[in-house]
Amino acid sequence: MDIIECKDEFTWIDKINTWVKQELDRSRAKSLFLPAGSTPRPLYQNWEVSGAPFSGDVRLMQLDEILNGEKKNAFRHFFQETLPSYQKQFQYIDEADKCADLAILGLGVNGHVGYHEPGLSPQFYSGCLTLNPETIEHSQLDPGVRVVTYGLQAFLKAKSILLIVRGVSKRDILREVLGADCVLPAAYLKKHNHLSIVTDFKLE
């Protein structure tokens, strides 16, 4: 496991782009899981302005999606808004392959990755779920909302994983995930032989 602590957002973006380039070359990867949400937004803005660190034949795979309520298909719309130049490379979750070669994942406020939440079996690969109340409240979603998501077993099959963490509000949950006895979903990523974590803050 490699932990990269960056001094600012600019360096954070640069380190992510370097990781993508290196891992694409190392593993000859052809597909990449991408997260939606506020964490990767500056990264995607950088890709739109300066160009992404991958070629046009790399498939970009959606991690998860909201299936009902006012925010139905919100993540598809997010990617259409933030990465309009790369839409021909996207495989949305309703049409995607079983796994991606590389995975970029965000860290949820309760330690979830994708919508693999605490309490869900570590053996979960993909499927439809009802979200925990904490996640629904934090994401301002309708009660009882349903989602479709990849899970830990799909992520662990990737050749390399990058967990991207932005904002000091995530410091405590990241520290918990890094603890020896943590059983939150993100902690299971530590089982992977090629896990990197990049933050835009110092852990200590």
Protein backbone atom coordinates (compact mmCIF):
# COMPACT_ATOMS: atom_id res chain seq x y z
CA MET A 1 0.00 0.00 0.00
CA ASP A 2 1.28 3.42 -0.98
CA ILE A 3 -0.05 6.57 0.73
CA ILE A 4 0.61 9.85 -1.08
CA GLU A 5 -0.07 12.98 0.99
CA CYS A 6 -0.27 16.14 -1.12
CA LYS A 7 0.07 19.73 0.01
CA ASP A 8 -2.71 21.09 -2.19
CA GLU A 9 -5.30 20.25 -4.83
CA PHE A 10 -2.96 20.99 -7.74
CA THR A 11 -0.43 18.43 -6.52
CA TRP A 12 -3.25 15.97 -5.75
CA ILE A 13 -4.45 16.14 -9.36
CA ASP A 14 -0.90 15.76 -10.66
CA LYS A 15 -0.30 12.64 -8.54
CA ILE A 16 -3.55 11.06 -9.74
CA ASN A 17 -2.65 11.73 -13.37
CA THR A 18 0.81 10.26 -12.83
CA TRP A 19 -0.71 7.13 -11.27
CA VAL A 20 -3.09 6.67 -14.20
CA LYS A 21 -0.27 6.99 -16.74
CA GLN A 22 2.03 4.62 -14.87
CA GLU A 23 -0.60 1.97 -14.24
CA LEU A 24 -1.89 2.04 -17.81
CA ASP A 25 1.67 1.45 -19.02
CA ARG A 26 2.48 -1.16 -16.37
CA SER A 27 -0.61 -3.30 -16.76
CA ARG A 28 -1.60 -2.42 -20.35
CA ALA A 29 -5.05 -1.64 -18.98
CA LYS A 30 -7.93 -0.90 -21.32
CA SER A 31 -10.64 0.09 -18.83
CA LEU A 32 -10.95 2.33 -15.77
CA PHE A 33 -13.59 2.61 -13.04
CA LEU A 34 -14.41 6.28 -12.36
CA PRO A 35 -16.34 7.68 -9.37
CA ALA A 36 -18.95 10.43 -9.46
CA GLY A 37 -19.43 13.12 -6.82
CA SER A 38 -17.69 16.19 -5.46
CA THR A 39 -14.33 14.53 -4.74
CA PRO A 40 -13.22 13.95 -8.36
CA ARG A 41 -14.80 17.10 -9.84
CA PRO A 42 -11.52 19.14 -9.91
CA LEU A 43 -9.75 16.17 -11.51
CA TYR A 44 -12.31 15.94 -14.29
CA GLN A 45 -12.14 19.70 -14.83
CA ASN A 46 -8.40 19.28 -15.33
CA TRP A 47 -8.98 16.52 -17.88
CA GLU A 48 -11.39 18.69 -19.84
CA VAL A 49 -9.01 21.67 -19.90
CA SER A 50 -5.61 19.99 -20.18
CA GLY A 51 -6.42 16.53 -21.52
CA ALA A 52 -6.71 13.22 -19.72
CA PRO A 53 -3.74 10.89 -19.05
CA PHE A 54 -5.17 8.09 -21.20
CA SER A 55 -5.82 7.41 -24.86
CA GLY A 56 -9.14 7.34 -26.65
CA ASP A 57 -9.39 3.55 -26.58
CA VAL A 58 -9.55 3.31 -22.77
CA ARG A 59 -13.10 2.50 -21.59
CA LEU A 60 -14.39 4.62 -18.71
CA MET A 61 -16.75 2.66 -16.48
CA GLN A 62 -19.39 4.09 -14.16
CA LEU A 63 -19.28 2.71 -10.59
CA ASP A 64 -22.84 3.23 -9.44
CA GLU A 65 -26.16 4.89 -10.21
CA ILE A 66 -29.37 6.05 -8.53
CA LEU A 67 -32.38 4.16 -9.85
CA ASN A 68 -35.40 6.11 -8.59
CA GLY A 69 -36.55 9.34 -6.98
CA GLU A 70 -35.76 12.93 -7.94
CA LYS A 71 -32.07 12.15 -8.53
CA LYS A 72 -32.61 9.16 -10.81
CA ASN A 73 -29.63 8.80 -13.19
CA ALA A 74 -27.85 11.68 -11.42
CA PHE A 75 -24.41 10.14 -11.89
CA ARG A 76 -24.86 9.65 -15.63
CA HIS A 77 -25.82 13.32 -15.83
CA PHE A 78 -22.79 14.19 -13.68
CA PHE A 79 -20.41 12.52 -16.12
CA GLN A 80 -22.16 14.08 -19.11
CA GLU A 81 -21.70 17.48 -17.47
CA THR A 82 -18.14 17.12 -16.16
CA LEU A 83 -16.56 14.98 -18.91
CA PRO A 84 -18.43 15.88 -22.11
CA SER A 85 -15.33 15.33 -24.26
CA TYR A 86 -15.05 11.69 -23.19
CA GLN A 87 -18.62 10.45 -23.62
CA LYS A 88 -17.73 8.13 -26.49
CA GLN A 89 -15.41 6.26 -24.11
CA PHE A 90 -18.00 5.77 -21.35
CA GLN A 91 -19.67 2.52 -20.49
CA TYR A 92 -22.52 3.33 -18.15
CA ILE A 93 -23.39 0.79 -15.52
CA ASP A 94 -26.40 -0.62 -17.37
CA GLU A 95 -24.18 -1.61 -20.30
CA ALA A 96 -20.75 -2.08 -18.74
CA ASP A 97 -18.41 -5.06 -18.52
CA LYS A 98 -18.11 -7.16 -15.39
CA CYS A 99 -14.96 -5.42 -14.19
CA ALA A 100 -12.43 -2.72 -15.07
CA ASP A 101 -8.67 -3.19 -15.32
CA LEU A 102 -7.99 -0.21 -13.03
CA ALA A 103 -10.14 1.41 -10.35
CA ILE A 104 -10.24 4.99 -9.12
CA LEU A 105 -12.50 5.09 -6.07
CA GLY A 106 -13.69 7.81 -3.71
CA LEU A 107 -14.01 7.39 0.06
CA GLY A 108 -17.52 7.81 1.47
CA VAL A 109 -18.25 9.55 4.76
CA ASN A 110 -19.02 6.22 6.45
CA GLY A 111 -16.26 4.26 4.74
CA HIS A 112 -18.25 3.15 1.72
CA VAL A 113 -16.73 2.78 -1.76
CA GLY A 114 -19.07 3.03 -4.69
CA TYR A 115 -22.30 2.24 -2.88
CA HIS A 116 -20.80 -0.77 -1.11
CA GLU A 117 -21.82 0.33 2.37
CA PRO A 118 -21.02 -0.86 5.91
CA GLY A 119 -22.95 -4.01 6.75
CA LEU A 120 -22.97 -5.33 3.20
CA SER A 121 -21.10 -8.60 2.71
CA PRO A 122 -17.48 -8.19 1.57
CA GLN A 123 -18.33 -10.85 -1.03
CA PHE A 124 -20.77 -8.53 -2.82
CA TYR A 125 -19.83 -8.07 -6.50
CA SER A 126 -22.62 -5.99 -8.02
CA GLY A 127 -26.36 -5.49 -7.84
CA CYS A 128 -29.24 -3.31 -6.64
CA LEU A 129 -29.46 -2.04 -3.04
CA THR A 130 -31.43 0.21 -0.69
CA LEU A 131 -29.09 2.76 0.90
CA ASN A 132 -28.40 3.30 4.59
CA PRO A 133 -30.20 6.30 6.17
CA GLU A 134 -26.84 8.00 6.86
CA THR A 135 -25.87 7.91 3.19
CA ILE A 136 -29.34 9.03 2.10
CA GLU A 137 -29.20 12.03 4.45
CA HIS A 138 -25.65 13.02 3.47
CA SER A 139 -26.41 12.75 -0.26
CA GLN A 140 -29.83 14.44 0.12
CA LEU A 141 -31.63 11.53 -1.51
CA ASP A 142 -35.24 10.40 -1.20
CA PRO A 143 -36.00 7.89 1.60
CA GLY A 144 -35.99 4.33 0.32
CA VAL A 145 -33.98 5.21 -2.77
CA ARG A 146 -32.56 2.28 -4.74
CA VAL A 147 -29.15 2.17 -6.38
CA VAL A 148 -27.15 -0.18 -8.57
CA THR A 149 -23.45 -0.50 -7.81
CA TYR A 150 -20.31 -2.49 -8.19
CA GLY A 151 -18.91 -3.82 -4.91
CA LEU A 152 -15.70 -4.86 -3.23
CA GLN A 153 -15.28 -8.08 -5.17
CA ALA A 154 -15.40 -6.19 -8.47
CA PHE A 155 -12.93 -3.58 -7.22
CA LEU A 156 -10.52 -6.18 -5.84
CA LYS A 157 -10.37 -7.85 -9.26
CA ALA A 158 -8.87 -4.70 -10.77
CA LYS A 159 -5.13 -4.81 -11.45
CA SER A 160 -4.55 -1.64 -9.41
CA ILE A 161 -6.71 0.56 -7.18
CA LEU A 162 -6.36 4.27 -6.39
CA LEU A 163 -8.42 5.62 -3.48
CA ILE A 164 -8.75 9.39 -3.89
CA VAL A 165 -9.52 11.43 -0.77
CA ARG A 166 -10.08 15.21 -0.84
CA GLY A 167 -10.85 17.60 2.00
CA VAL A 168 -9.86 17.49 5.67
CA SER A 169 -13.41 16.40 6.55
CA LYS A 170 -12.34 12.94 5.32
CA ARG A 171 -9.27 12.76 7.56
CA ASP A 172 -10.94 10.96 10.47
CA ILE A 173 -12.67 8.33 8.33
CA LEU A 174 -9.44 7.68 6.42
CA ARG A 175 -7.55 7.22 9.68
CA GLU A 176 -10.22 4.75 10.78
CA VAL A 177 -9.99 2.85 7.49
CA LEU A 178 -6.22 2.59 7.86
CA GLY A 179 -6.55 1.10 11.36
CA ALA A 180 -5.58 -2.53 11.84
CA ASP A 181 -9.00 -3.76 13.01
CA CYS A 182 -11.26 -1.73 10.71
CA VAL A 183 -14.02 -3.67 8.94
CA LEU A 184 -15.51 -0.79 6.92
CA PRO A 185 -15.77 -1.51 3.17
CA ALA A 186 -12.85 0.75 2.22
CA ALA A 187 -10.60 -1.12 4.66
CA TYR A 188 -10.95 -4.31 2.62
CA LEU A 189 -9.14 -2.58 -0.24
CA LYS A 190 -5.96 -3.00 1.83
CA LYS A 191 -6.01 -6.66 0.84
CA HIS A 192 -5.09 -5.65 -2.72
CA ASN A 193 -1.43 -5.92 -3.69
CA HIS A 194 -1.53 -2.71 -5.73
CA LEU A 195 -3.45 -0.16 -3.64
CA SER A 196 -2.48 3.51 -3.58
CA ILE A 197 -4.19 6.27 -1.58
CA VAL A 198 -3.80 9.95 -2.48
CA THR A 199 -4.97 12.80 -0.23
CA ASP A 200 -4.83 16.59 -0.50
CA PHE A 201 -4.01 16.87 3.21
CA LYS A 202 -1.57 15.52 5.77
CA LEU A 203 -2.81 12.62 7.86
CA GLU A 204 -0.99 13.86 10.96
